[in-house]
Amino acid sequence: MTVYSNLKYDHPFSANATGTGALTKISSQTASSSASLSFTTGIDSTYKEYVFKFINIHPASDGVNFSFQASTNGGSSYGITATTTTFVANHKEDGSDSNFYYNTGIDLAQSTNYAIINDYYVNDNDASGSGTLHLFEPSSDTFVKHFIADFNNLYKPTYTNRTFSAGYFNSTSVIDAVDFKFSSGNIDSGTIIMYGVS
């Protein structure tokens, strides 16, 4: 029987594996006072699932939300109609407060706005957020395009704040680009890595 202590932490993802959920790195971008970070190539019918990893995303502005939108024309425009849902868990550093709630204030209901996937960043020097976004079969011309996201960030600025969001782009058109940005101000620093799932 395998126990937790026997599991390797450095398990290599094989690009040659099939049907195993192996991750293949496609591209990455690093922000430097960037208005947004866009992935306009590499999203095609090669993979049925794309995973974006966000490493230490740091905002230039305080009290902002991190969000994304998709494109059907290679990034010439963003604004596909989407419906989303979000819930949040947070806990204060000194243990004096904790919360778990459904955040109706950042949901979309058939909107072309950017979908919020992590709420309320602070721009303290040591503050950032990291997480993962899954986008499912963006090249389908039959189904709407589902996504789920899981983030954690420093909040207000003495809470750990975990945001779970999900939704779908209500379009059967092929999605071939995505754009990430804050609700206000630049992405001061941080890296986004895009993978395809075999």
N, C-alpha and C. Protein backbone atom coordinates (compact mmCIF):
# COMPACT_ATOMS: atom_id res chain seq x y z
N MET A 1 0.84 -1.19 0.00
CA MET A 1 0.00 0.00 0.00
C MET A 1 0.88 1.24 0.00
N THR A 2 0.55 2.18 -0.86
CA THR A 2 1.29 3.43 -0.94
C THR A 2 0.76 4.39 0.12
N VAL A 3 1.68 4.99 0.86
CA VAL A 3 1.31 5.99 1.85
C VAL A 3 1.85 7.33 1.40
N TYR A 4 1.36 8.38 2.01
CA TYR A 4 1.71 9.73 1.58
C TYR A 4 3.21 9.96 1.56
N SER A 5 3.92 9.43 2.55
CA SER A 5 5.36 9.67 2.64
C SER A 5 6.14 9.01 1.51
N ASN A 6 5.51 8.05 0.81
CA ASN A 6 6.19 7.39 -0.31
C ASN A 6 6.07 8.17 -1.62
N LEU A 7 5.18 9.14 -1.67
CA LEU A 7 4.96 9.86 -2.91
C LEU A 7 6.12 10.80 -3.20
N LYS A 8 6.53 10.87 -4.47
CA LYS A 8 7.60 11.78 -4.87
C LYS A 8 7.05 13.16 -5.12
N TYR A 9 7.79 14.18 -4.72
CA TYR A 9 7.38 15.55 -4.96
C TYR A 9 7.89 16.07 -6.30
N ASP A 10 8.82 15.35 -6.90
CA ASP A 10 9.43 15.83 -8.15
C ASP A 10 9.02 14.95 -9.32
N HIS A 11 7.78 14.47 -9.31
CA HIS A 11 7.32 13.60 -10.38
C HIS A 11 7.38 14.33 -11.72
N PRO A 12 8.10 13.80 -12.71
CA PRO A 12 8.19 14.48 -14.01
C PRO A 12 6.92 14.28 -14.83
N PHE A 13 6.46 15.33 -15.48
CA PHE A 13 5.34 15.22 -16.40
C PHE A 13 5.90 14.85 -17.76
N SER A 14 5.43 13.79 -18.33
CA SER A 14 5.94 13.31 -19.61
C SER A 14 5.10 13.82 -20.76
N ALA A 15 5.77 14.45 -21.72
CA ALA A 15 5.07 14.94 -22.90
C ALA A 15 4.65 13.78 -23.81
N ASN A 16 5.23 12.60 -23.60
CA ASN A 16 4.93 11.45 -24.45
C ASN A 16 3.77 10.62 -23.91
N ALA A 17 3.36 10.86 -22.67
CA ALA A 17 2.28 10.08 -22.08
C ALA A 17 0.96 10.46 -22.72
N THR A 18 0.06 9.50 -22.84
CA THR A 18 -1.27 9.79 -23.38
C THR A 18 -2.32 9.31 -22.40
N GLY A 19 -3.36 10.12 -22.27
CA GLY A 19 -4.47 9.76 -21.39
C GLY A 19 -4.12 9.76 -19.92
N THR A 20 -3.03 10.41 -19.55
CA THR A 20 -2.59 10.39 -18.16
C THR A 20 -2.69 11.76 -17.49
N GLY A 21 -3.12 12.76 -18.24
CA GLY A 21 -3.17 14.10 -17.68
C GLY A 21 -1.82 14.77 -17.63
N ALA A 22 -0.89 14.34 -18.49
CA ALA A 22 0.45 14.94 -18.52
C ALA A 22 0.38 16.38 -19.00
N LEU A 23 1.20 17.24 -18.39
CA LEU A 23 1.24 18.65 -18.75
C LEU A 23 2.39 18.90 -19.73
N THR A 24 2.09 19.60 -20.80
CA THR A 24 3.09 20.03 -21.76
C THR A 24 3.14 21.55 -21.75
N LYS A 25 4.30 22.10 -21.39
CA LYS A 25 4.43 23.56 -21.37
C LYS A 25 4.38 24.09 -22.79
N ILE A 26 3.52 25.09 -22.99
CA ILE A 26 3.39 25.70 -24.31
C ILE A 26 4.11 27.04 -24.35
N SER A 27 3.85 27.90 -23.37
CA SER A 27 4.50 29.20 -23.33
C SER A 27 4.35 29.83 -21.96
N SER A 28 5.09 30.89 -21.72
CA SER A 28 4.96 31.63 -20.47
C SER A 28 5.20 33.11 -20.73
N GLN A 29 4.67 33.94 -19.84
CA GLN A 29 4.87 35.38 -19.93
C GLN A 29 5.13 35.92 -18.54
N THR A 30 6.02 36.89 -18.46
CA THR A 30 6.34 37.54 -17.20
C THR A 30 6.01 39.02 -17.30
N ALA A 31 5.25 39.50 -16.33
CA ALA A 31 4.82 40.89 -16.33
C ALA A 31 5.92 41.82 -15.85
N SER A 32 5.94 43.00 -16.40
CA SER A 32 6.80 44.09 -15.93
C SER A 32 6.03 45.38 -16.17
N SER A 33 5.24 45.78 -15.18
CA SER A 33 4.34 46.93 -15.31
C SER A 33 3.50 46.81 -16.58
N SER A 34 2.88 45.64 -16.75
CA SER A 34 2.13 45.32 -17.96
C SER A 34 0.64 45.61 -17.76
N ALA A 35 0.02 46.23 -18.76
CA ALA A 35 -1.43 46.48 -18.68
C ALA A 35 -2.20 45.17 -18.64
N SER A 36 -1.72 44.17 -19.39
CA SER A 36 -2.31 42.84 -19.38
C SER A 36 -1.30 41.86 -19.93
N LEU A 37 -1.59 40.58 -19.76
CA LEU A 37 -0.80 39.52 -20.37
C LEU A 37 -1.75 38.68 -21.23
N SER A 38 -1.43 38.56 -22.52
CA SER A 38 -2.30 37.85 -23.45
C SER A 38 -1.59 36.64 -24.04
N PHE A 39 -2.36 35.57 -24.22
CA PHE A 39 -1.88 34.38 -24.91
C PHE A 39 -2.68 34.27 -26.21
N THR A 40 -2.04 34.60 -27.31
CA THR A 40 -2.73 34.68 -28.60
C THR A 40 -2.30 33.58 -29.56
N THR A 41 -1.38 32.73 -29.16
CA THR A 41 -0.98 31.57 -29.96
C THR A 41 -0.91 30.36 -29.04
N GLY A 42 -1.03 29.18 -29.63
CA GLY A 42 -0.88 27.95 -28.86
C GLY A 42 -2.17 27.39 -28.29
N ILE A 43 -3.27 28.13 -28.39
CA ILE A 43 -4.57 27.61 -27.95
C ILE A 43 -5.31 27.14 -29.20
N ASP A 44 -5.36 25.83 -29.37
CA ASP A 44 -5.96 25.27 -30.57
C ASP A 44 -6.51 23.87 -30.26
N SER A 45 -6.75 23.08 -31.27
CA SER A 45 -7.37 21.77 -31.07
C SER A 45 -6.38 20.68 -30.63
N THR A 46 -5.12 21.06 -30.39
CA THR A 46 -4.12 20.08 -29.96
C THR A 46 -4.52 19.44 -28.64
N TYR A 47 -5.08 20.23 -27.72
CA TYR A 47 -5.44 19.75 -26.39
C TYR A 47 -6.90 20.05 -26.08
N LYS A 48 -7.52 19.19 -25.31
CA LYS A 48 -8.90 19.40 -24.86
C LYS A 48 -8.96 20.24 -23.59
N GLU A 49 -7.83 20.37 -22.88
CA GLU A 49 -7.77 21.17 -21.67
C GLU A 49 -6.49 21.96 -21.65
N TYR A 50 -6.60 23.23 -21.24
CA TYR A 50 -5.44 24.09 -21.07
C TYR A 50 -5.40 24.54 -19.60
N VAL A 51 -4.19 24.54 -19.04
CA VAL A 51 -4.00 24.93 -17.65
C VAL A 51 -3.06 26.13 -17.61
N PHE A 52 -3.47 27.17 -16.88
CA PHE A 52 -2.64 28.35 -16.67
C PHE A 52 -2.21 28.38 -15.21
N LYS A 53 -0.90 28.49 -14.98
CA LYS A 53 -0.35 28.62 -13.63
C LYS A 53 0.08 30.06 -13.41
N PHE A 54 -0.34 30.65 -12.30
CA PHE A 54 -0.04 32.04 -11.97
C PHE A 54 0.90 32.06 -10.77
N ILE A 55 2.07 32.65 -10.95
CA ILE A 55 3.11 32.64 -9.92
C ILE A 55 3.36 34.07 -9.46
N ASN A 56 3.02 34.36 -8.19
CA ASN A 56 3.30 35.65 -7.55
C ASN A 56 2.86 36.84 -8.41
N ILE A 57 1.58 36.86 -8.74
CA ILE A 57 1.02 37.99 -9.49
C ILE A 57 0.85 39.16 -8.54
N HIS A 58 1.52 40.27 -8.86
CA HIS A 58 1.56 41.44 -7.97
C HIS A 58 0.98 42.66 -8.69
N PRO A 59 0.00 43.33 -8.07
CA PRO A 59 -0.63 44.49 -8.73
C PRO A 59 0.13 45.79 -8.46
N ALA A 60 -0.02 46.72 -9.39
CA ALA A 60 0.51 48.06 -9.16
C ALA A 60 -0.44 48.86 -8.26
N SER A 61 -1.75 48.57 -8.35
CA SER A 61 -2.76 49.31 -7.59
C SER A 61 -3.27 48.49 -6.42
N ASP A 62 -3.87 49.17 -5.45
CA ASP A 62 -4.37 48.51 -4.25
C ASP A 62 -5.88 48.22 -4.38
N GLY A 63 -6.31 47.10 -3.79
CA GLY A 63 -7.73 46.78 -3.73
C GLY A 63 -8.34 46.41 -5.07
N VAL A 64 -7.57 45.69 -5.91
CA VAL A 64 -8.04 45.36 -7.25
C VAL A 64 -8.32 43.86 -7.38
N ASN A 65 -9.09 43.52 -8.41
CA ASN A 65 -9.42 42.12 -8.71
C ASN A 65 -8.65 41.65 -9.94
N PHE A 66 -8.31 40.36 -9.96
CA PHE A 66 -7.61 39.78 -11.11
C PHE A 66 -8.64 39.06 -11.97
N SER A 67 -8.57 39.25 -13.29
CA SER A 67 -9.64 38.78 -14.15
C SER A 67 -9.12 38.34 -15.52
N PHE A 68 -10.01 37.68 -16.28
CA PHE A 68 -9.64 37.29 -17.64
C PHE A 68 -10.85 37.30 -18.56
N GLN A 69 -10.55 37.33 -19.87
CA GLN A 69 -11.56 37.23 -20.91
C GLN A 69 -10.96 36.44 -22.06
N ALA A 70 -11.82 36.03 -22.99
CA ALA A 70 -11.39 35.20 -24.10
C ALA A 70 -11.75 35.85 -25.43
N SER A 71 -11.15 35.29 -26.48
CA SER A 71 -11.32 35.85 -27.82
C SER A 71 -11.58 34.73 -28.82
N THR A 72 -12.33 35.05 -29.85
CA THR A 72 -12.56 34.12 -30.96
C THR A 72 -11.87 34.58 -32.24
N ASN A 73 -11.08 35.66 -32.14
CA ASN A 73 -10.41 36.20 -33.33
C ASN A 73 -8.93 36.46 -33.09
N GLY A 74 -8.29 35.55 -32.35
CA GLY A 74 -6.85 35.64 -32.14
C GLY A 74 -6.39 36.78 -31.27
N GLY A 75 -7.31 37.36 -30.50
CA GLY A 75 -6.95 38.45 -29.59
C GLY A 75 -7.18 39.84 -30.16
N SER A 76 -7.81 39.92 -31.33
CA SER A 76 -8.15 41.24 -31.86
C SER A 76 -9.17 41.95 -30.98
N SER A 77 -10.05 41.17 -30.33
CA SER A 77 -11.02 41.72 -29.38
C SER A 77 -11.34 40.66 -28.34
N TYR A 78 -11.72 41.13 -27.15
CA TYR A 78 -12.11 40.25 -26.05
C TYR A 78 -13.49 40.68 -25.56
N GLY A 79 -14.36 39.72 -25.29
CA GLY A 79 -15.69 40.08 -24.80
C GLY A 79 -16.73 39.03 -25.11
N ILE A 80 -16.40 37.77 -24.84
CA ILE A 80 -17.37 36.70 -25.05
C ILE A 80 -18.33 36.66 -23.86
N THR A 81 -19.59 36.50 -24.11
CA THR A 81 -20.60 36.45 -23.06
C THR A 81 -20.32 35.29 -22.09
N ALA A 82 -20.31 35.59 -20.79
CA ALA A 82 -19.98 34.58 -19.78
C ALA A 82 -20.91 34.66 -18.59
N THR A 83 -21.06 33.53 -17.92
CA THR A 83 -21.74 33.44 -16.63
C THR A 83 -20.79 32.77 -15.65
N THR A 84 -20.66 33.34 -14.44
CA THR A 84 -19.67 32.85 -13.48
C THR A 84 -20.27 32.74 -12.08
N THR A 85 -19.55 32.04 -11.22
CA THR A 85 -19.91 31.93 -9.80
C THR A 85 -18.62 31.88 -8.99
N THR A 86 -18.66 32.45 -7.78
CA THR A 86 -17.43 32.58 -6.98
C THR A 86 -17.73 32.40 -5.49
N PHE A 87 -16.88 31.62 -4.81
CA PHE A 87 -16.94 31.63 -3.34
C PHE A 87 -15.54 31.77 -2.77
N VAL A 88 -15.49 32.24 -1.53
CA VAL A 88 -14.23 32.69 -0.93
C VAL A 88 -14.10 32.15 0.49
N ALA A 89 -12.89 31.77 0.86
CA ALA A 89 -12.54 31.46 2.25
C ALA A 89 -11.34 32.30 2.63
N ASN A 90 -11.40 32.98 3.78
CA ASN A 90 -10.21 33.71 4.23
C ASN A 90 -10.04 33.62 5.74
N HIS A 91 -8.81 33.88 6.19
CA HIS A 91 -8.45 33.74 7.60
C HIS A 91 -7.39 34.77 7.95
N LYS A 92 -7.60 35.47 9.05
CA LYS A 92 -6.68 36.52 9.47
C LYS A 92 -5.43 35.94 10.13
N GLU A 93 -4.31 36.64 9.95
CA GLU A 93 -3.02 36.16 10.46
C GLU A 93 -3.03 35.88 11.96
N ASP A 94 -3.70 36.74 12.75
CA ASP A 94 -3.69 36.55 14.20
C ASP A 94 -4.79 35.60 14.69
N GLY A 95 -5.54 35.01 13.74
CA GLY A 95 -6.57 34.04 14.11
C GLY A 95 -7.85 34.65 14.63
N SER A 96 -7.99 35.98 14.59
CA SER A 96 -9.15 36.63 15.21
C SER A 96 -10.38 36.68 14.30
N ASP A 97 -10.21 36.32 13.04
CA ASP A 97 -11.35 36.40 12.13
C ASP A 97 -11.18 35.39 11.00
N SER A 98 -12.30 34.82 10.57
CA SER A 98 -12.30 33.94 9.40
C SER A 98 -13.67 34.03 8.74
N ASN A 99 -13.70 33.78 7.43
CA ASN A 99 -14.95 33.93 6.68
C ASN A 99 -15.02 32.89 5.58
N PHE A 100 -16.24 32.48 5.26
CA PHE A 100 -16.49 31.60 4.13
C PHE A 100 -17.81 32.04 3.53
N TYR A 101 -17.79 32.46 2.26
CA TYR A 101 -19.00 33.05 1.72
C TYR A 101 -19.05 32.95 0.19
N TYR A 102 -20.26 33.03 -0.34
CA TYR A 102 -20.50 33.12 -1.76
C TYR A 102 -20.47 34.60 -2.14
N ASN A 103 -19.59 34.96 -3.04
CA ASN A 103 -19.40 36.38 -3.38
C ASN A 103 -20.25 36.74 -4.60
N THR A 104 -21.49 37.12 -4.36
CA THR A 104 -22.39 37.47 -5.46
C THR A 104 -21.98 38.76 -6.15
N GLY A 105 -21.21 39.58 -5.46
CA GLY A 105 -20.85 40.89 -6.01
C GLY A 105 -19.91 40.84 -7.20
N ILE A 106 -19.24 39.71 -7.42
CA ILE A 106 -18.32 39.65 -8.55
C ILE A 106 -18.75 38.63 -9.60
N ASP A 107 -19.94 38.06 -9.44
CA ASP A 107 -20.47 37.14 -10.44
C ASP A 107 -20.81 37.87 -11.74
N LEU A 108 -20.76 37.12 -12.83
CA LEU A 108 -21.27 37.61 -14.10
C LEU A 108 -22.53 36.82 -14.46
N ALA A 109 -23.50 37.48 -15.06
CA ALA A 109 -24.71 36.82 -15.55
C ALA A 109 -24.92 37.25 -16.99
N GLN A 110 -24.43 36.42 -17.91
CA GLN A 110 -24.50 36.73 -19.34
C GLN A 110 -23.94 38.12 -19.63
N SER A 111 -22.67 38.28 -19.24
CA SER A 111 -21.98 39.56 -19.38
C SER A 111 -20.73 39.39 -20.25
N THR A 112 -20.35 40.45 -20.93
CA THR A 112 -19.11 40.44 -21.72
C THR A 112 -17.96 41.08 -20.95
N ASN A 113 -18.17 41.40 -19.67
CA ASN A 113 -17.08 41.92 -18.83
C ASN A 113 -16.03 40.84 -18.60
N TYR A 114 -14.88 41.26 -18.10
CA TYR A 114 -13.85 40.31 -17.70
C TYR A 114 -14.33 39.53 -16.47
N ALA A 115 -14.08 38.23 -16.46
CA ALA A 115 -14.49 37.37 -15.35
C ALA A 115 -13.44 37.45 -14.23
N ILE A 116 -13.89 37.79 -13.03
CA ILE A 116 -12.98 37.89 -11.88
C ILE A 116 -12.66 36.49 -11.37
N ILE A 117 -11.36 36.17 -11.29
CA ILE A 117 -10.93 34.86 -10.82
C ILE A 117 -10.13 34.93 -9.52
N ASN A 118 -9.87 36.13 -9.02
CA ASN A 118 -9.28 36.31 -7.69
C ASN A 118 -9.59 37.72 -7.22
N ASP A 119 -10.19 37.84 -6.03
CA ASP A 119 -10.66 39.16 -5.62
C ASP A 119 -9.76 39.81 -4.58
N TYR A 120 -9.74 41.13 -4.61
CA TYR A 120 -9.13 42.05 -3.64
C TYR A 120 -7.65 41.77 -3.35
N TYR A 121 -6.82 42.17 -4.30
CA TYR A 121 -5.38 42.17 -4.09
C TYR A 121 -4.96 43.47 -3.41
N VAL A 122 -3.97 43.39 -2.55
CA VAL A 122 -3.31 44.59 -2.03
C VAL A 122 -1.95 44.70 -2.71
N ASN A 123 -1.41 45.91 -2.77
CA ASN A 123 -0.13 46.09 -3.45
C ASN A 123 1.02 46.33 -2.49
N ASP A 124 0.91 45.83 -1.25
CA ASP A 124 2.05 45.86 -0.33
C ASP A 124 3.24 45.18 -1.01
N ASN A 125 4.45 45.58 -0.63
CA ASN A 125 5.64 45.05 -1.29
C ASN A 125 5.74 43.53 -1.22
N ASP A 126 5.24 42.93 -0.13
CA ASP A 126 5.36 41.48 0.01
C ASP A 126 4.10 40.73 -0.42
N ALA A 127 3.14 41.44 -1.03
CA ALA A 127 1.85 40.83 -1.37
C ALA A 127 1.83 40.34 -2.82
N SER A 128 1.19 39.19 -3.02
CA SER A 128 1.00 38.65 -4.36
C SER A 128 -0.10 37.60 -4.29
N GLY A 129 -0.43 37.04 -5.44
CA GLY A 129 -1.39 35.94 -5.51
C GLY A 129 -0.90 34.89 -6.48
N SER A 130 -1.22 33.63 -6.19
CA SER A 130 -0.84 32.52 -7.06
C SER A 130 -2.02 31.58 -7.21
N GLY A 131 -2.08 30.87 -8.34
CA GLY A 131 -3.20 29.97 -8.53
C GLY A 131 -3.17 29.26 -9.86
N THR A 132 -4.33 28.68 -10.20
CA THR A 132 -4.46 27.86 -11.39
C THR A 132 -5.81 28.11 -12.05
N LEU A 133 -5.82 28.14 -13.38
CA LEU A 133 -7.05 28.24 -14.16
C LEU A 133 -7.06 27.09 -15.16
N HIS A 134 -8.20 26.38 -15.24
CA HIS A 134 -8.40 25.32 -16.23
C HIS A 134 -9.42 25.80 -17.25
N LEU A 135 -9.08 25.72 -18.52
CA LEU A 135 -10.00 26.05 -19.61
C LEU A 135 -10.21 24.78 -20.43
N PHE A 136 -11.48 24.37 -20.58
CA PHE A 136 -11.80 23.08 -21.17
C PHE A 136 -12.26 23.19 -22.62
N GLU A 137 -11.60 22.44 -23.47
CA GLU A 137 -11.90 22.29 -24.89
C GLU A 137 -12.30 23.60 -25.57
N PRO A 138 -11.38 24.57 -25.60
CA PRO A 138 -11.71 25.85 -26.23
C PRO A 138 -11.95 25.75 -27.74
N SER A 139 -11.48 24.67 -28.37
CA SER A 139 -11.66 24.53 -29.82
C SER A 139 -12.96 23.83 -30.20
N SER A 140 -13.79 23.49 -29.24
CA SER A 140 -15.08 22.86 -29.55
C SER A 140 -15.97 23.83 -30.31
N ASP A 141 -16.59 23.34 -31.39
CA ASP A 141 -17.59 24.16 -32.07
C ASP A 141 -19.00 23.63 -31.80
N THR A 142 -19.11 22.82 -30.71
CA THR A 142 -20.40 22.23 -30.32
C THR A 142 -20.87 22.75 -28.97
N PHE A 143 -19.92 22.86 -28.01
CA PHE A 143 -20.29 23.16 -26.62
C PHE A 143 -19.82 24.54 -26.18
N VAL A 144 -20.46 25.05 -25.10
CA VAL A 144 -19.95 26.24 -24.42
C VAL A 144 -18.61 25.87 -23.79
N LYS A 145 -17.81 26.88 -23.37
CA LYS A 145 -16.45 26.65 -22.90
C LYS A 145 -16.38 26.86 -21.39
N HIS A 146 -16.20 25.77 -20.64
CA HIS A 146 -16.16 25.84 -19.18
C HIS A 146 -14.76 26.17 -18.68
N PHE A 147 -14.72 26.81 -17.49
CA PHE A 147 -13.44 27.06 -16.82
C PHE A 147 -13.65 27.00 -15.31
N ILE A 148 -12.59 26.63 -14.61
CA ILE A 148 -12.57 26.67 -13.15
C ILE A 148 -11.23 27.27 -12.72
N ALA A 149 -11.23 28.01 -11.61
CA ALA A 149 -10.01 28.65 -11.11
C ALA A 149 -9.92 28.52 -9.61
N ASP A 150 -8.70 28.46 -9.11
CA ASP A 150 -8.42 28.34 -7.68
C ASP A 150 -7.20 29.20 -7.38
N PHE A 151 -7.39 30.24 -6.55
CA PHE A 151 -6.32 31.20 -6.25
C PHE A 151 -6.17 31.40 -4.74
N ASN A 152 -4.99 31.87 -4.36
CA ASN A 152 -4.78 32.37 -3.00
C ASN A 152 -3.97 33.65 -3.09
N ASN A 153 -4.34 34.63 -2.26
CA ASN A 153 -3.59 35.89 -2.24
C ASN A 153 -3.62 36.50 -0.85
N LEU A 154 -2.71 37.45 -0.64
CA LEU A 154 -2.69 38.24 0.59
C LEU A 154 -3.76 39.31 0.47
N TYR A 155 -4.59 39.42 1.51
CA TYR A 155 -5.82 40.20 1.44
C TYR A 155 -5.90 41.17 2.60
N LYS A 156 -6.03 42.41 2.34
CA LYS A 156 -6.41 43.52 3.26
C LYS A 156 -5.47 43.98 4.36
N PRO A 157 -4.27 43.80 4.59
CA PRO A 157 -3.33 42.87 3.99
C PRO A 157 -2.91 41.76 4.96
N THR A 158 -3.77 41.42 5.92
CA THR A 158 -3.35 40.44 6.93
C THR A 158 -4.19 39.17 6.91
N TYR A 159 -4.78 38.84 5.76
CA TYR A 159 -5.56 37.62 5.61
C TYR A 159 -4.96 36.77 4.49
N THR A 160 -5.06 35.45 4.66
CA THR A 160 -4.90 34.59 3.51
C THR A 160 -6.28 34.43 2.89
N ASN A 161 -6.37 34.61 1.58
CA ASN A 161 -7.67 34.71 0.91
C ASN A 161 -7.71 33.73 -0.26
N ARG A 162 -8.55 32.72 -0.16
CA ARG A 162 -8.65 31.73 -1.23
C ARG A 162 -9.96 31.92 -1.99
N THR A 163 -9.84 32.07 -3.31
CA THR A 163 -10.98 32.31 -4.18
C THR A 163 -11.18 31.13 -5.12
N PHE A 164 -12.39 30.59 -5.13
CA PHE A 164 -12.76 29.52 -6.04
C PHE A 164 -13.79 30.09 -7.02
N SER A 165 -13.49 30.04 -8.29
CA SER A 165 -14.43 30.57 -9.27
C SER A 165 -14.60 29.60 -10.42
N ALA A 166 -15.72 29.70 -11.09
CA ALA A 166 -16.01 28.83 -12.22
C ALA A 166 -17.03 29.52 -13.10
N GLY A 167 -17.15 29.03 -14.32
CA GLY A 167 -18.14 29.59 -15.21
C GLY A 167 -18.00 29.01 -16.60
N TYR A 168 -18.70 29.65 -17.53
CA TYR A 168 -18.58 29.21 -18.92
C TYR A 168 -18.74 30.42 -19.84
N PHE A 169 -18.03 30.36 -20.96
CA PHE A 169 -18.24 31.30 -22.04
C PHE A 169 -19.37 30.74 -22.90
N ASN A 170 -20.42 31.51 -23.02
CA ASN A 170 -21.64 31.01 -23.66
C ASN A 170 -21.54 31.19 -25.18
N SER A 171 -20.65 30.41 -25.76
CA SER A 171 -20.43 30.49 -27.20
C SER A 171 -19.96 29.13 -27.71
N THR A 172 -20.43 28.76 -28.88
CA THR A 172 -19.93 27.54 -29.52
C THR A 172 -18.83 27.87 -30.53
N SER A 173 -18.45 29.14 -30.61
CA SER A 173 -17.32 29.52 -31.46
C SER A 173 -16.01 29.09 -30.82
N VAL A 174 -15.02 28.85 -31.64
CA VAL A 174 -13.70 28.41 -31.16
C VAL A 174 -13.01 29.56 -30.44
N ILE A 175 -12.54 29.31 -29.22
CA ILE A 175 -11.73 30.28 -28.47
C ILE A 175 -10.26 30.02 -28.80
N ASP A 176 -9.54 31.09 -29.19
CA ASP A 176 -8.14 30.91 -29.58
C ASP A 176 -7.18 31.88 -28.91
N ALA A 177 -7.67 32.66 -27.94
CA ALA A 177 -6.79 33.58 -27.21
C ALA A 177 -7.45 33.94 -25.88
N VAL A 178 -6.62 34.27 -24.88
CA VAL A 178 -7.12 34.74 -23.59
C VAL A 178 -6.26 35.90 -23.11
N ASP A 179 -6.87 36.76 -22.29
CA ASP A 179 -6.20 37.96 -21.80
C ASP A 179 -6.44 38.07 -20.30
N PHE A 180 -5.38 38.40 -19.56
CA PHE A 180 -5.45 38.52 -18.10
C PHE A 180 -5.07 39.94 -17.69
N LYS A 181 -5.81 40.51 -16.74
CA LYS A 181 -5.48 41.85 -16.27
C LYS A 181 -6.14 42.10 -14.91
N PHE A 182 -5.72 43.17 -14.26
CA PHE A 182 -6.37 43.62 -13.04
C PHE A 182 -7.52 44.58 -13.38
N SER A 183 -8.45 44.73 -12.46
CA SER A 183 -9.60 45.61 -12.69
C SER A 183 -9.20 47.06 -12.82
N SER A 184 -8.00 47.40 -12.30
CA SER A 184 -7.46 48.74 -12.44
C SER A 184 -5.94 48.66 -12.28
N GLY A 185 -5.24 49.44 -13.04
CA GLY A 185 -3.78 49.48 -12.92
C GLY A 185 -3.10 48.29 -13.58
N ASN A 186 -1.79 48.32 -13.58
CA ASN A 186 -0.99 47.32 -14.26
C ASN A 186 -0.74 46.07 -13.43
N ILE A 187 -0.31 45.02 -14.13
CA ILE A 187 0.29 43.86 -13.46
C ILE A 187 1.76 44.24 -13.24
N ASP A 188 2.12 44.54 -12.01
CA ASP A 188 3.45 45.03 -11.71
C ASP A 188 4.51 43.95 -11.97
N SER A 189 4.22 42.71 -11.54
CA SER A 189 5.15 41.61 -11.76
C SER A 189 4.42 40.30 -11.62
N GLY A 190 5.09 39.21 -11.95
CA GLY A 190 4.50 37.88 -11.86
C GLY A 190 4.61 37.15 -13.18
N THR A 191 4.42 35.83 -13.12
CA THR A 191 4.56 34.97 -14.30
C THR A 191 3.32 34.12 -14.49
N ILE A 192 2.91 33.98 -15.75
CA ILE A 192 1.82 33.07 -16.12
C ILE A 192 2.39 32.04 -17.08
N ILE A 193 2.15 30.76 -16.78
CA ILE A 193 2.63 29.66 -17.63
C ILE A 193 1.41 28.92 -18.17
N MET A 194 1.41 28.66 -19.48
CA MET A 194 0.30 27.94 -20.11
C MET A 194 0.76 26.53 -20.49
N TYR A 195 -0.06 25.53 -20.10
CA TYR A 195 0.20 24.14 -20.40
C TYR A 195 -0.97 23.55 -21.16
N GLY A 196 -0.69 22.54 -21.98
CA GLY A 196 -1.72 21.70 -22.55
C GLY A 196 -1.75 20.39 -21.79
N VAL A 197 -2.93 19.82 -21.62
CA VAL A 197 -3.07 18.57 -20.88
C VAL A 197 -3.30 17.43 -21.87
N SER A 198 -2.36 16.47 -21.87
CA SER A 198 -2.46 15.33 -22.79
C SER A 198 -3.53 14.35 -22.34
